[in-house]
């Protein structure tokens, strides 16, 4: 009887210990699961915050680029026109100037001022990030290339699908694609010694492709700096778009920068 009681007692202790072990393991599993879940949520929040910072930085860069274009336009065009008008009006009101010549100079001055006012109004259409997102990629790139053609004298060729064949891009996709194009075009202006830029948009059933090609001096692809010449930010934005980035260049054959994205894929 005593042996049976001892056996029951030992069995009860063993069952209790096993129960406590299982309970402890369960509690530990729940704690680890909650810890991982909290860590995962924090990582997601961090990633979201990082994407928001990167998008904000992109918008700021777009605005800075627009201000640079405005500054160049005022310095290279509007400022010179106004200086010319000033000289013409000063010349018109010389005492020995015949009245017919005075009228001619005033008419020319009015014409130049009218053109200058028109140019200044055109500057109001230079895009901020929000305007780019609202207006769409096709129109934003068209205006950008118009300004590049006007300011730098580089021939710009642009092709894109008809409006009804363009995919419905998300606002953030439009902004990131536009900024990639700006970076690629600025690389051409600064480094390529090119006389021609070709920008092409193409759309398939599930894919959208944007390419920027120039006829500049090019370089060997294996010597292309990974993070130089604005390529770091281009790669980062391509990653945000979940896109495939293509960079091809060869000495004497210009450079091609292209990105392909899924049309239903949101950035981030």
Foldseek 3Di string as FASTA:
>chain_A
DVVVVVVVVVVVVVVVVVVVVVVVVVVVVVVVVVVVVVVVVVVVVVVVVVVVVLLVVLLVVLVVVLVVLVVLCCVVPVVVLVVVLVVLQVVLPDPPHDPVSNVVSVVVSVVSVVVSVVVVVVSVPRDGLVVQLVVDQVVNVVVVVVSCCVRPVAAEAEEEDPPVQDFDAHSSVSSLVNSLVVLVVVLCVPPFPFRYWYWYWDDDPFKIKIKIWTQGQWDQPVPDDCPPSPNVSSVVSLVQQVWDWDWDTHGRRTIMIMIMHTSVTHGD
